[in-house]
Amino acid sequence: MQHSQTHLRTRPISAGHLRAFIAVSSHLNFRVAAEELALTQSAVSRQIQNLEEEVGVSLFLRHTRAVELTSAGVQLLSAVAPALERLDGAVRQIRQSAGRKTVSITTFASFASMWLIPRLEAFQRDHPDIDIRIDASDQAVDLELADVDLALRYGPAVNMPTRARRMFGEQLTPVASPWLLKSGVQLRTPEDLAQFALIEAGDAHRTHLEWLTWQRWIDKQMPVATARKFQPQRWLYFNYAYQMVQAALTGQGLVLARLPLVAESLANGDLVEVLPHRRMDSPMAYWLIAPPRSEMRPEIRDFCNWLMAQSARTRAAVGDVPDPDTIDDID
């Protein structure tokens, strides 16, 4: 479908055909797109033809069994997809404000399991009219596009947006189950760790989280010659921090734990800090990010205030001092 410049339309296109365009672009198949939209294939085809008429150029190349986007189609898709996501997000926000109050949080799986979820009962008890939805994923989502109100993130300050509020910092420390330590094996120095199994993140080096590794801790705690030769009884590898701590809780070895995430287990005696004077500072911290569109809702403010109060307790428990520039409350 080719049009001369003199026939190109100048007024904005209507939005009615854009969902059909997104569906066909996603599947590159009119039949599958029609099934997704609960329309007939001919109806979807007509919508695409009408859109091409409005735009003034072909958006797809039609083949016998499939279609492909033209360069104009690729250009339009890059604009339409995020625009519709923002539109859908705005509609969801409007519907939520007209119905039940909901707070949706995105965070990574280990933080949700080890810190957030165990504390949620207290918030729900004080705010029974607010629904909570947690999206636990290690993939960071775009807060401008995703259907979430808050993000709880993990990383160095340099990687955080200016609106991020520091919840607490982090130290790393070796911990173990108390009954594992009753075996009679002495554990007074870093070198004594060689008599135990050490639990490690299997992908720490691949994901550039080397500061979480035993090797980094060992290099700082032992003489160079000793550190180079050090080997534990065996290694035990897991993908997630909560899996590593669970293995330590069941006595399978020692883990280099993130102190804020195991503070409760240390306080109640489920875990023991075996070398308490050998803590190692981490460049990482835990952050609360609230997009401007969320902060004005009362339920979001309530949750943020509660979250920062919980964070203050964690800071006190681990002896963490917040940045002097950190703002703990919503203005």
C-alpha atoms as a PDB file:
ATOM      1  CA  MET A   1       0.000   0.000   0.000  1.00  0.00           C
ATOM      2  CA  GLN A   2       1.839   3.106  -1.223  1.00  0.00           C
ATOM      3  CA  HIS A   3       0.630   6.693  -0.960  1.00  0.00           C
ATOM      4  CA  SER A   4       2.131   9.871  -2.320  1.00  0.00           C
ATOM      5  CA  GLN A   5       3.021  12.703   0.015  1.00  0.00           C
ATOM      6  CA  THR A   6       0.042  14.698  -1.255  1.00  0.00           C
ATOM      7  CA  HIS A   7      -2.351  12.016   0.003  1.00  0.00           C
ATOM      8  CA  LEU A   8      -0.834  11.602   3.463  1.00  0.00           C
ATOM      9  CA  ARG A   9      -3.299  12.605   6.158  1.00  0.00           C
ATOM     10  CA  THR A  10      -2.267  15.231   8.691  1.00  0.00           C
ATOM     11  CA  ARG A  11      -4.838  14.908  11.472  1.00  0.00           C
ATOM     12  CA  PRO A  12      -4.156  12.555  14.433  1.00  0.00           C
ATOM     13  CA  ILE A  13      -5.191   8.934  13.975  1.00  0.00           C
ATOM     14  CA  SER A  14      -8.030   7.437  15.994  1.00  0.00           C
ATOM     15  CA  ALA A  15      -7.072   5.054  18.794  1.00  0.00           C
ATOM     16  CA  GLY A  16      -9.653   2.380  18.052  1.00  0.00           C
ATOM     17  CA  HIS A  17      -7.449   0.231  15.814  1.00  0.00           C
ATOM     18  CA  LEU A  18      -4.281   0.355  17.895  1.00  0.00           C
ATOM     19  CA  ARG A  19      -5.024  -2.709  20.037  1.00  0.00           C
ATOM     20  CA  ALA A  20      -5.450  -4.775  16.893  1.00  0.00           C
ATOM     21  CA  PHE A  21      -2.136  -3.387  15.676  1.00  0.00           C
ATOM     22  CA  ILE A  22      -0.422  -4.359  18.957  1.00  0.00           C
ATOM     23  CA  ALA A  23      -1.896  -7.875  18.837  1.00  0.00           C
ATOM     24  CA  VAL A  24      -0.853  -8.509  15.233  1.00  0.00           C
ATOM     25  CA  SER A  25       2.604  -7.031  15.909  1.00  0.00           C
ATOM     26  CA  SER A  26       3.035  -9.344  18.914  1.00  0.00           C
ATOM     27  CA  HIS A  27       2.052 -12.534  17.106  1.00  0.00           C
ATOM     28  CA  LEU A  28       2.766 -11.627  13.471  1.00  0.00           C
ATOM     29  CA  ASN A  29      -0.311 -13.667  12.713  1.00  0.00           C
ATOM     30  CA  PHE A  30      -3.824 -12.357  12.074  1.00  0.00           C
ATOM     31  CA  ARG A  31      -5.549 -15.539  13.243  1.00  0.00           C
ATOM     32  CA  VAL A  32      -3.754 -15.670  16.600  1.00  0.00           C
ATOM     33  CA  ALA A  33      -4.300 -11.940  17.099  1.00  0.00           C
ATOM     34  CA  ALA A  34      -8.011 -12.395  16.402  1.00  0.00           C
ATOM     35  CA  GLU A  35      -8.210 -15.169  19.014  1.00  0.00           C
ATOM     36  CA  GLU A  36      -6.521 -12.941  21.595  1.00  0.00           C
ATOM     37  CA  LEU A  37      -8.953 -10.099  20.900  1.00  0.00           C
ATOM     38  CA  ALA A  38     -12.019 -12.379  20.662  1.00  0.00           C
ATOM     39  CA  LEU A  39     -12.732 -11.041  17.160  1.00  0.00           C
ATOM     40  CA  THR A  40     -12.978 -12.636  13.751  1.00  0.00           C
ATOM     41  CA  GLN A  41      -9.877 -12.675  11.602  1.00  0.00           C
ATOM     42  CA  SER A  42     -11.607 -10.538   8.982  1.00  0.00           C
ATOM     43  CA  ALA A  43     -12.519  -7.939  11.615  1.00  0.00           C
ATOM     44  CA  VAL A  44      -8.873  -7.657  12.697  1.00  0.00           C
ATOM     45  CA  SER A  45      -7.771  -7.437   9.086  1.00  0.00           C
ATOM     46  CA  ARG A  46     -10.220  -4.591   8.463  1.00  0.00           C
ATOM     47  CA  GLN A  47      -8.970  -2.730  11.534  1.00  0.00           C
ATOM     48  CA  ILE A  48      -5.371  -2.995  10.309  1.00  0.00           C
ATOM     49  CA  GLN A  49      -6.382  -1.837   6.830  1.00  0.00           C
ATOM     50  CA  ASN A  50      -8.238   1.149   8.283  1.00  0.00           C
ATOM     51  CA  LEU A  51      -5.202   2.017  10.431  1.00  0.00           C
ATOM     52  CA  GLU A  52      -2.921   1.849   7.405  1.00  0.00           C
ATOM     53  CA  GLU A  53      -5.315   4.145   5.554  1.00  0.00           C
ATOM     54  CA  GLU A  54      -5.204   6.612   8.432  1.00  0.00           C
ATOM     55  CA  VAL A  55      -1.411   6.502   8.772  1.00  0.00           C
ATOM     56  CA  GLY A  56      -0.929   6.616   5.017  1.00  0.00           C
ATOM     57  CA  VAL A  57       1.616   3.794   4.611  1.00  0.00           C
ATOM     58  CA  SER A  58       1.738   0.015   4.907  1.00  0.00           C
ATOM     59  CA  LEU A  59       2.479  -1.252   8.394  1.00  0.00           C
ATOM     60  CA  PHE A  60       2.788  -4.968   7.538  1.00  0.00           C
ATOM     61  CA  LEU A  61       4.160  -7.051   4.709  1.00  0.00           C
ATOM     62  CA  ARG A  62       1.674  -9.866   4.012  1.00  0.00           C
ATOM     63  CA  HIS A  63       3.083 -13.303   3.231  1.00  0.00           C
ATOM     64  CA  THR A  64       1.262 -16.578   2.628  1.00  0.00           C
ATOM     65  CA  ARG A  65       1.358 -17.848   6.211  1.00  0.00           C
ATOM     66  CA  ALA A  66       2.631 -14.895   8.223  1.00  0.00           C
ATOM     67  CA  VAL A  67       3.168 -11.162   8.254  1.00  0.00           C
ATOM     68  CA  GLU A  68       6.084  -8.923   9.203  1.00  0.00           C
ATOM     69  CA  LEU A  69       6.332  -5.321  10.249  1.00  0.00           C
ATOM     70  CA  THR A  70       7.528  -2.725   7.798  1.00  0.00           C
ATOM     71  CA  SER A  71       9.980  -0.094   8.969  1.00  0.00           C
ATOM     72  CA  ALA A  72       6.997   2.239   9.456  1.00  0.00           C
ATOM     73  CA  GLY A  73       5.277  -0.469  11.489  1.00  0.00           C
ATOM     74  CA  VAL A  74       8.316  -0.848  13.737  1.00  0.00           C
ATOM     75  CA  GLN A  75       8.409   2.912  14.255  1.00  0.00           C
ATOM     76  CA  LEU A  76       4.709   3.060  15.130  1.00  0.00           C
ATOM     77  CA  LEU A  77       4.965   0.064  17.471  1.00  0.00           C
ATOM     78  CA  SER A  78       7.742   1.724  19.491  1.00  0.00           C
ATOM     79  CA  ALA A  79       5.392   4.629  20.181  1.00  0.00           C
ATOM     80  CA  VAL A  80       2.082   2.821  20.535  1.00  0.00           C
ATOM     81  CA  ALA A  81       3.077   0.012  22.934  1.00  0.00           C
ATOM     82  CA  PRO A  82       4.279   2.214  25.836  1.00  0.00           C
ATOM     83  CA  ALA A  83       1.460   4.709  25.215  1.00  0.00           C
ATOM     84  CA  LEU A  84      -1.210   2.028  25.593  1.00  0.00           C
ATOM     85  CA  GLU A  85       0.521   0.641  28.687  1.00  0.00           C
ATOM     86  CA  ARG A  86       0.418   4.097  30.261  1.00  0.00           C
ATOM     87  CA  LEU A  87      -3.225   4.466  29.279  1.00  0.00           C
ATOM     88  CA  ASP A  88      -4.131   1.093  30.787  1.00  0.00           C
ATOM     89  CA  GLY A  89      -2.181   1.949  33.927  1.00  0.00           C
ATOM     90  CA  ALA A  90      -4.043   5.235  34.302  1.00  0.00           C
ATOM     91  CA  VAL A  91      -7.395   3.468  33.893  1.00  0.00           C
ATOM     92  CA  ARG A  92      -6.423   0.917  36.537  1.00  0.00           C
ATOM     93  CA  GLN A  93      -5.463   3.715  38.908  1.00  0.00           C
ATOM     94  CA  ILE A  94      -8.806   5.437  38.317  1.00  0.00           C
ATOM     95  CA  ARG A  95     -10.731   2.211  38.896  1.00  0.00           C
ATOM     96  CA  GLN A  96      -8.782   1.523  42.063  1.00  0.00           C
ATOM     97  CA  SER A  97      -9.472   4.973  43.439  1.00  0.00           C
ATOM     98  CA  ALA A  98     -13.184   4.426  42.785  1.00  0.00           C
ATOM     99  CA  GLY A  99     -13.221   0.998  44.423  1.00  0.00           C
ATOM    100  CA  ARG A 100     -11.124  -0.845  46.993  1.00  0.00           C
ATOM    101  CA  LYS A 101      -7.905   0.710  48.215  1.00  0.00           C
ATOM    102  CA  THR A 102      -4.895  -1.254  46.996  1.00  0.00           C
ATOM    103  CA  VAL A 103      -1.132  -0.912  47.352  1.00  0.00           C
ATOM    104  CA  SER A 104       0.952  -2.816  44.808  1.00  0.00           C
ATOM    105  CA  ILE A 105       4.666  -3.328  45.451  1.00  0.00           C
ATOM    106  CA  THR A 106       7.404  -4.656  43.224  1.00  0.00           C
ATOM    107  CA  THR A 107      10.527  -6.045  44.863  1.00  0.00           C
ATOM    108  CA  PHE A 108      12.982  -8.910  44.518  1.00  0.00           C
ATOM    109  CA  ALA A 109      12.053 -12.380  45.724  1.00  0.00           C
ATOM    110  CA  SER A 110      14.511 -12.752  48.623  1.00  0.00           C
ATOM    111  CA  PHE A 111      13.600  -9.392  50.130  1.00  0.00           C
ATOM    112  CA  ALA A 112       9.889 -10.175  49.872  1.00  0.00           C
ATOM    113  CA  SER A 113      10.337 -13.569  51.539  1.00  0.00           C
ATOM    114  CA  MET A 114      12.829 -12.619  54.246  1.00  0.00           C
ATOM    115  CA  TRP A 115      11.916  -9.066  55.236  1.00  0.00           C
ATOM    116  CA  LEU A 116       8.647  -7.723  53.828  1.00  0.00           C
ATOM    117  CA  ILE A 117       6.166 -10.589  54.092  1.00  0.00           C
ATOM    118  CA  PRO A 118       6.944 -11.506  57.747  1.00  0.00           C
ATOM    119  CA  ARG A 119       6.103  -7.917  58.733  1.00  0.00           C
ATOM    120  CA  LEU A 120       2.960  -7.425  56.631  1.00  0.00           C
ATOM    121  CA  GLU A 121       0.582  -8.881  59.206  1.00  0.00           C
ATOM    122  CA  ALA A 122       1.150  -5.847  61.423  1.00  0.00           C
ATOM    123  CA  PHE A 123       0.219  -3.439  58.635  1.00  0.00           C
ATOM    124  CA  GLN A 124      -2.855  -5.459  57.667  1.00  0.00           C
ATOM    125  CA  ARG A 125      -3.989  -5.547  61.276  1.00  0.00           C
ATOM    126  CA  ASP A 126      -3.860  -1.740  61.487  1.00  0.00           C
ATOM    127  CA  HIS A 127      -5.222  -1.160  57.956  1.00  0.00           C
ATOM    128  CA  PRO A 128      -7.763  -3.909  57.245  1.00  0.00           C
ATOM    129  CA  ASP A 129      -9.358  -1.883  54.440  1.00  0.00           C
ATOM    130  CA  ILE A 130      -6.191  -1.796  52.285  1.00  0.00           C
ATOM    131  CA  ASP A 131      -5.403  -4.670  49.932  1.00  0.00           C
ATOM    132  CA  ILE A 132      -1.747  -5.531  49.322  1.00  0.00           C
ATOM    133  CA  ARG A 133      -0.377  -6.952  46.088  1.00  0.00           C
ATOM    134  CA  ILE A 134       3.284  -8.020  45.876  1.00  0.00           C
ATOM    135  CA  ASP A 135       5.052  -8.648  42.580  1.00  0.00           C
ATOM    136  CA  ALA A 136       8.246 -10.475  43.559  1.00  0.00           C
ATOM    137  CA  SER A 137      10.672 -10.600  40.654  1.00  0.00           C
ATOM    138  CA  ASP A 138      14.405 -10.111  40.262  1.00  0.00           C
ATOM    139  CA  GLN A 139      13.750  -8.154  37.065  1.00  0.00           C
ATOM    140  CA  ALA A 140      13.401  -4.422  37.740  1.00  0.00           C
ATOM    141  CA  VAL A 141      10.250  -2.992  36.179  1.00  0.00           C
ATOM    142  CA  ASP A 142       9.704   0.448  34.666  1.00  0.00           C
ATOM    143  CA  LEU A 143       7.640   2.324  37.248  1.00  0.00           C
ATOM    144  CA  GLU A 144       6.269   4.643  34.581  1.00  0.00           C
ATOM    145  CA  LEU A 145       4.751   1.719  32.685  1.00  0.00           C
ATOM    146  CA  ALA A 146       4.125  -1.075  35.184  1.00  0.00           C
ATOM    147  CA  ASP A 147       0.940  -1.478  37.194  1.00  0.00           C
ATOM    148  CA  VAL A 148       2.693  -0.959  40.541  1.00  0.00           C
ATOM    149  CA  ASP A 149       2.647   1.801  43.145  1.00  0.00           C
ATOM    150  CA  LEU A 150       5.982   1.284  44.920  1.00  0.00           C
ATOM    151  CA  ALA A 151       9.335  -0.337  44.292  1.00  0.00           C
ATOM    152  CA  LEU A 152      11.649  -1.738  46.957  1.00  0.00           C
ATOM    153  CA  ARG A 153      15.061  -1.964  45.358  1.00  0.00           C
ATOM    154  CA  TYR A 154      18.551  -3.191  46.244  1.00  0.00           C
ATOM    155  CA  GLY A 155      21.702  -1.513  45.012  1.00  0.00           C
ATOM    156  CA  PRO A 156      24.304   1.208  45.531  1.00  0.00           C
ATOM    157  CA  ALA A 157      23.198   4.807  45.899  1.00  0.00           C
ATOM    158  CA  VAL A 158      24.702   5.762  42.560  1.00  0.00           C
ATOM    159  CA  ASN A 159      22.219   3.497  40.760  1.00  0.00           C
ATOM    160  CA  MET A 160      19.131   4.892  42.472  1.00  0.00           C
ATOM    161  CA  PRO A 161      16.896   7.723  41.216  1.00  0.00           C
ATOM    162  CA  THR A 162      16.928  11.006  43.111  1.00  0.00           C
ATOM    163  CA  ARG A 163      13.536  10.274  44.691  1.00  0.00           C
ATOM    164  CA  ALA A 164      14.713   6.990  46.233  1.00  0.00           C
ATOM    165  CA  ARG A 165      14.696   6.869  50.033  1.00  0.00           C
ATOM    166  CA  ARG A 166      17.260   4.749  51.829  1.00  0.00           C
ATOM    167  CA  MET A 167      15.609   2.207  54.103  1.00  0.00           C
ATOM    168  CA  PHE A 168      18.795   0.694  55.527  1.00  0.00           C
ATOM    169  CA  GLY A 169      22.303  -0.265  54.538  1.00  0.00           C
ATOM    170  CA  GLU A 170      23.961  -3.635  54.663  1.00  0.00           C
ATOM    171  CA  GLN A 171      26.741  -5.593  56.310  1.00  0.00           C
ATOM    172  CA  LEU A 172      27.700  -9.187  55.598  1.00  0.00           C
ATOM    173  CA  THR A 173      28.423 -11.635  58.403  1.00  0.00           C
ATOM    174  CA  PRO A 174      28.906 -15.431  58.730  1.00  0.00           C
ATOM    175  CA  VAL A 175      25.939 -17.124  60.423  1.00  0.00           C
ATOM    176  CA  ALA A 176      24.987 -20.697  61.247  1.00  0.00           C
ATOM    177  CA  SER A 177      22.371 -22.762  63.011  1.00  0.00           C
ATOM    178  CA  PRO A 178      23.168 -23.030  66.741  1.00  0.00           C
ATOM    179  CA  TRP A 179      22.938 -26.813  66.721  1.00  0.00           C
ATOM    180  CA  LEU A 180      25.487 -27.034  63.903  1.00  0.00           C
ATOM    181  CA  LEU A 181      27.927 -25.316  66.250  1.00  0.00           C
ATOM    182  CA  LYS A 182      27.319 -27.926  68.959  1.00  0.00           C
ATOM    183  CA  SER A 183      29.344 -30.471  66.984  1.00  0.00           C
ATOM    184  CA  GLY A 184      32.382 -29.595  69.101  1.00  0.00           C
ATOM    185  CA  VAL A 185      34.359 -28.092  66.224  1.00  0.00           C
ATOM    186  CA  GLN A 186      36.059 -24.871  67.303  1.00  0.00           C
ATOM    187  CA  LEU A 187      35.088 -21.732  65.401  1.00  0.00           C
ATOM    188  CA  ARG A 188      37.055 -18.789  66.724  1.00  0.00           C
ATOM    189  CA  THR A 189      38.967 -17.515  63.682  1.00  0.00           C
ATOM    190  CA  PRO A 190      38.238 -17.159  59.953  1.00  0.00           C
ATOM    191  CA  GLU A 191      40.612 -20.049  59.268  1.00  0.00           C
ATOM    192  CA  ASP A 192      38.333 -22.347  61.305  1.00  0.00           C
ATOM    193  CA  LEU A 193      35.686 -22.043  58.587  1.00  0.00           C
ATOM    194  CA  ALA A 194      37.634 -24.662  56.625  1.00  0.00           C
ATOM    195  CA  GLN A 195      36.046 -27.320  58.861  1.00  0.00           C
ATOM    196  CA  PHE A 196      32.530 -26.503  57.641  1.00  0.00           C
ATOM    197  CA  ALA A 197      30.481 -26.441  54.458  1.00  0.00           C
ATOM    198  CA  LEU A 198      30.066 -22.906  53.109  1.00  0.00           C
ATOM    199  CA  ILE A 199      26.856 -21.834  51.393  1.00  0.00           C
ATOM    200  CA  GLU A 200      27.310 -19.541  48.409  1.00  0.00           C
ATOM    201  CA  ALA A 201      25.306 -17.744  45.720  1.00  0.00           C
ATOM    202  CA  GLY A 202      25.904 -19.746  42.568  1.00  0.00           C
ATOM    203  CA  ASP A 203      25.636 -16.772  40.219  1.00  0.00           C
ATOM    204  CA  ALA A 204      27.258 -14.012  42.296  1.00  0.00           C
ATOM    205  CA  HIS A 205      30.237 -13.669  39.944  1.00  0.00           C
ATOM    206  CA  ARG A 206      28.049 -13.814  36.848  1.00  0.00           C
ATOM    207  CA  THR A 207      25.711 -11.108  38.128  1.00  0.00           C
ATOM    208  CA  HIS A 208      28.521  -8.797  39.319  1.00  0.00           C
ATOM    209  CA  LEU A 209      27.641  -9.214  43.009  1.00  0.00           C
ATOM    210  CA  GLU A 210      31.172 -10.215  43.970  1.00  0.00           C
ATOM    211  CA  TRP A 211      30.919  -8.307  47.257  1.00  0.00           C
ATOM    212  CA  LEU A 212      28.446 -10.952  48.451  1.00  0.00           C
ATOM    213  CA  THR A 213      30.896 -13.825  47.982  1.00  0.00           C
ATOM    214  CA  TRP A 214      32.833 -15.750  50.584  1.00  0.00           C
ATOM    215  CA  GLN A 215      36.001 -15.148  48.583  1.00  0.00           C
ATOM    216  CA  ARG A 216      35.763 -11.390  49.058  1.00  0.00           C
ATOM    217  CA  TRP A 217      35.154 -11.850  52.808  1.00  0.00           C
ATOM    218  CA  ILE A 218      38.036 -14.334  53.088  1.00  0.00           C
ATOM    219  CA  ASP A 219      40.396 -11.991  51.229  1.00  0.00           C
ATOM    220  CA  LYS A 220      39.658  -9.269  53.782  1.00  0.00           C
ATOM    221  CA  GLN A 221      39.855 -11.482  56.876  1.00  0.00           C
ATOM    222  CA  MET A 222      42.922 -13.655  56.223  1.00  0.00           C
ATOM    223  CA  PRO A 223      46.556 -13.087  55.230  1.00  0.00           C
ATOM    224  CA  VAL A 224      47.040 -13.230  51.454  1.00  0.00           C
ATOM    225  CA  ALA A 225      48.904 -16.546  51.474  1.00  0.00           C
ATOM    226  CA  THR A 226      46.282 -18.200  53.704  1.00  0.00           C
ATOM    227  CA  ALA A 227      43.371 -16.825  51.682  1.00  0.00           C
ATOM    228  CA  ARG A 228      44.786 -18.199  48.434  1.00  0.00           C
ATOM    229  CA  LYS A 229      44.991 -21.731  49.835  1.00  0.00           C
ATOM    230  CA  PHE A 230      41.721 -21.679  51.762  1.00  0.00           C
ATOM    231  CA  GLN A 231      39.128 -24.341  50.942  1.00  0.00           C
ATOM    232  CA  PRO A 232      36.074 -25.289  53.030  1.00  0.00           C
ATOM    233  CA  GLN A 233      34.904 -28.804  53.744  1.00  0.00           C
ATOM    234  CA  ARG A 234      32.594 -28.414  50.713  1.00  0.00           C
ATOM    235  CA  TRP A 235      30.586 -25.777  48.822  1.00  0.00           C
ATOM    236  CA  LEU A 236      26.803 -25.592  48.577  1.00  0.00           C
ATOM    237  CA  TYR A 237      25.356 -23.285  45.910  1.00  0.00           C
ATOM    238  CA  PHE A 238      21.897 -21.699  45.574  1.00  0.00           C
ATOM    239  CA  ASN A 239      20.320 -19.051  43.362  1.00  0.00           C
ATOM    240  CA  TYR A 240      18.534 -16.952  45.988  1.00  0.00           C
ATOM    241  CA  ALA A 241      19.438 -15.475  49.355  1.00  0.00           C
ATOM    242  CA  TYR A 242      16.374 -16.963  51.064  1.00  0.00           C
ATOM    243  CA  GLN A 243      17.388 -20.446  49.862  1.00  0.00           C
ATOM    244  CA  MET A 244      20.878 -19.958  51.253  1.00  0.00           C
ATOM    245  CA  VAL A 245      19.560 -18.872  54.640  1.00  0.00           C
ATOM    246  CA  GLN A 246      17.057 -21.741  54.697  1.00  0.00           C
ATOM    247  CA  ALA A 247      19.929 -24.179  54.172  1.00  0.00           C
ATOM    248  CA  ALA A 248      21.816 -22.568  57.061  1.00  0.00           C
ATOM    249  CA  LEU A 249      18.730 -22.764  59.299  1.00  0.00           C
ATOM    250  CA  THR A 250      18.616 -26.518  58.726  1.00  0.00           C
ATOM    251  CA  GLY A 251      22.285 -26.914  59.654  1.00  0.00           C
ATOM    252  CA  GLN A 252      23.692 -27.614  56.197  1.00  0.00           C
ATOM    253  CA  GLY A 253      26.526 -25.109  56.524  1.00  0.00           C
ATOM    254  CA  LEU A 254      27.491 -21.511  57.149  1.00  0.00           C
ATOM    255  CA  VAL A 255      26.214 -18.649  55.017  1.00  0.00           C
ATOM    256  CA  LEU A 256      27.617 -15.170  54.515  1.00  0.00           C
ATOM    257  CA  ALA A 257      24.331 -13.483  55.304  1.00  0.00           C
ATOM    258  CA  ARG A 258      23.009 -10.028  54.554  1.00  0.00           C
ATOM    259  CA  LEU A 259      22.607  -8.769  58.106  1.00  0.00           C
ATOM    260  CA  PRO A 260      19.318  -6.817  57.683  1.00  0.00           C
ATOM    261  CA  LEU A 261      17.635  -9.892  56.192  1.00  0.00           C
ATOM    262  CA  VAL A 262      18.577 -12.215  59.061  1.00  0.00           C
ATOM    263  CA  ALA A 263      18.238  -9.760  61.973  1.00  0.00           C
ATOM    264  CA  GLU A 264      15.023 -11.420  63.181  1.00  0.00           C
ATOM    265  CA  SER A 265      16.525 -14.911  62.978  1.00  0.00           C
ATOM    266  CA  LEU A 266      19.540 -13.723  64.986  1.00  0.00           C
ATOM    267  CA  ALA A 267      17.331 -12.021  67.572  1.00  0.00           C
ATOM    268  CA  ASN A 268      15.206 -15.107  68.182  1.00  0.00           C
ATOM    269  CA  GLY A 269      18.176 -17.497  68.219  1.00  0.00           C
ATOM    270  CA  ASP A 270      17.403 -19.444  65.058  1.00  0.00           C
ATOM    271  CA  LEU A 271      20.769 -18.318  63.682  1.00  0.00           C
ATOM    272  CA  VAL A 272      24.026 -17.364  65.418  1.00  0.00           C
ATOM    273  CA  GLU A 273      26.550 -14.795  64.232  1.00  0.00           C
ATOM    274  CA  VAL A 274      29.673 -16.930  64.518  1.00  0.00           C
ATOM    275  CA  LEU A 275      32.318 -14.201  64.142  1.00  0.00           C
ATOM    276  CA  PRO A 276      30.504 -11.027  65.215  1.00  0.00           C
ATOM    277  CA  HIS A 277      33.622  -8.862  65.094  1.00  0.00           C
ATOM    278  CA  ARG A 278      34.278  -9.803  61.479  1.00  0.00           C
ATOM    279  CA  ARG A 279      31.356  -8.056  59.800  1.00  0.00           C
ATOM    280  CA  MET A 280      32.076  -6.646  56.352  1.00  0.00           C
ATOM    281  CA  ASP A 281      30.488  -3.488  54.950  1.00  0.00           C
ATOM    282  CA  SER A 282      28.646  -3.760  51.665  1.00  0.00           C
ATOM    283  CA  PRO A 283      28.225  -0.939  49.130  1.00  0.00           C
ATOM    284  CA  MET A 284      24.599  -1.991  48.747  1.00  0.00           C
ATOM    285  CA  ALA A 285      21.513  -0.620  50.466  1.00  0.00           C
ATOM    286  CA  TYR A 286      17.741  -1.093  50.364  1.00  0.00           C
ATOM    287  CA  TRP A 287      15.580   1.662  48.898  1.00  0.00           C
ATOM    288  CA  LEU A 288      11.964   2.767  48.675  1.00  0.00           C
ATOM    289  CA  ILE A 289      10.902   4.386  45.402  1.00  0.00           C
ATOM    290  CA  ALA A 290       7.468   5.960  45.082  1.00  0.00           C
ATOM    291  CA  PRO A 291       6.493   7.464  41.719  1.00  0.00           C
ATOM    292  CA  PRO A 292       4.915  10.939  42.010  1.00  0.00           C
ATOM    293  CA  ARG A 293       1.594   9.625  40.708  1.00  0.00           C
ATOM    294  CA  SER A 294       1.337   7.278  43.717  1.00  0.00           C
ATOM    295  CA  GLU A 295       2.408   9.483  46.608  1.00  0.00           C
ATOM    296  CA  MET A 296      -0.785  11.526  46.810  1.00  0.00           C
ATOM    297  CA  ARG A 297      -3.003   8.524  47.557  1.00  0.00           C
ATOM    298  CA  PRO A 298      -3.656   8.164  51.316  1.00  0.00           C
ATOM    299  CA  GLU A 299      -3.154   4.396  51.318  1.00  0.00           C
ATOM    300  CA  ILE A 300       0.270   4.828  49.689  1.00  0.00           C
ATOM    301  CA  ARG A 301       1.288   7.390  52.278  1.00  0.00           C
ATOM    302  CA  ASP A 302       0.129   5.077  55.062  1.00  0.00           C
ATOM    303  CA  PHE A 303       2.119   2.171  53.664  1.00  0.00           C
ATOM    304  CA  CYS A 304       5.256   4.271  53.112  1.00  0.00           C
ATOM    305  CA  ASN A 305       5.091   5.643  56.653  1.00  0.00           C
ATOM    306  CA  TRP A 306       4.705   2.130  58.033  1.00  0.00           C
ATOM    307  CA  LEU A 307       7.525   0.849  55.823  1.00  0.00           C
ATOM    308  CA  MET A 308       9.946   3.514  56.980  1.00  0.00           C
ATOM    309  CA  ALA A 309       9.024   2.844  60.624  1.00  0.00           C
ATOM    310  CA  GLN A 310       9.831  -0.829  60.078  1.00  0.00           C
ATOM    311  CA  SER A 311      13.071   0.183  58.394  1.00  0.00           C
ATOM    312  CA  ALA A 312      14.048   2.264  61.428  1.00  0.00           C
ATOM    313  CA  ARG A 313      13.624  -0.821  63.609  1.00  0.00           C
ATOM    314  CA  THR A 314      15.870  -2.830  61.303  1.00  0.00           C
ATOM    315  CA  ARG A 315      18.489  -0.078  61.360  1.00  0.00           C
ATOM    316  CA  ALA A 316      18.421  -0.110  65.154  1.00  0.00           C
ATOM    317  CA  ALA A 317      18.679  -3.903  65.266  1.00  0.00           C
ATOM    318  CA  VAL A 318      21.768  -4.064  63.046  1.00  0.00           C
ATOM    319  CA  GLY A 319      23.391  -0.826  64.223  1.00  0.00           C
ATOM    320  CA  ASP A 320      22.997   0.883  60.862  1.00  0.00           C
ATOM    321  CA  VAL A 321      23.235   4.683  60.726  1.00  0.00           C
ATOM    322  CA  PRO A 322      21.309   6.230  57.837  1.00  0.00           C
ATOM    323  CA  ASP A 323      22.763   8.790  55.491  1.00  0.00           C
ATOM    324  CA  PRO A 324      22.387  12.319  56.905  1.00  0.00           C
ATOM    325  CA  ASP A 325      20.809  13.350  53.589  1.00  0.00           C
ATOM    326  CA  THR A 326      18.256  10.553  53.676  1.00  0.00           C
ATOM    327  CA  ILE A 327      14.635  11.645  54.009  1.00  0.00           C
ATOM    328  CA  ASP A 328      12.585   9.004  55.775  1.00  0.00           C
ATOM    329  CA  ASP A 329       9.176  10.639  55.450  1.00  0.00           C
ATOM    330  CA  ILE A 330       7.057  11.778  52.569  1.00  0.00           C
ATOM    331  CA  ASP A 331       6.888  15.546  52.432  1.00  0.00           C
END
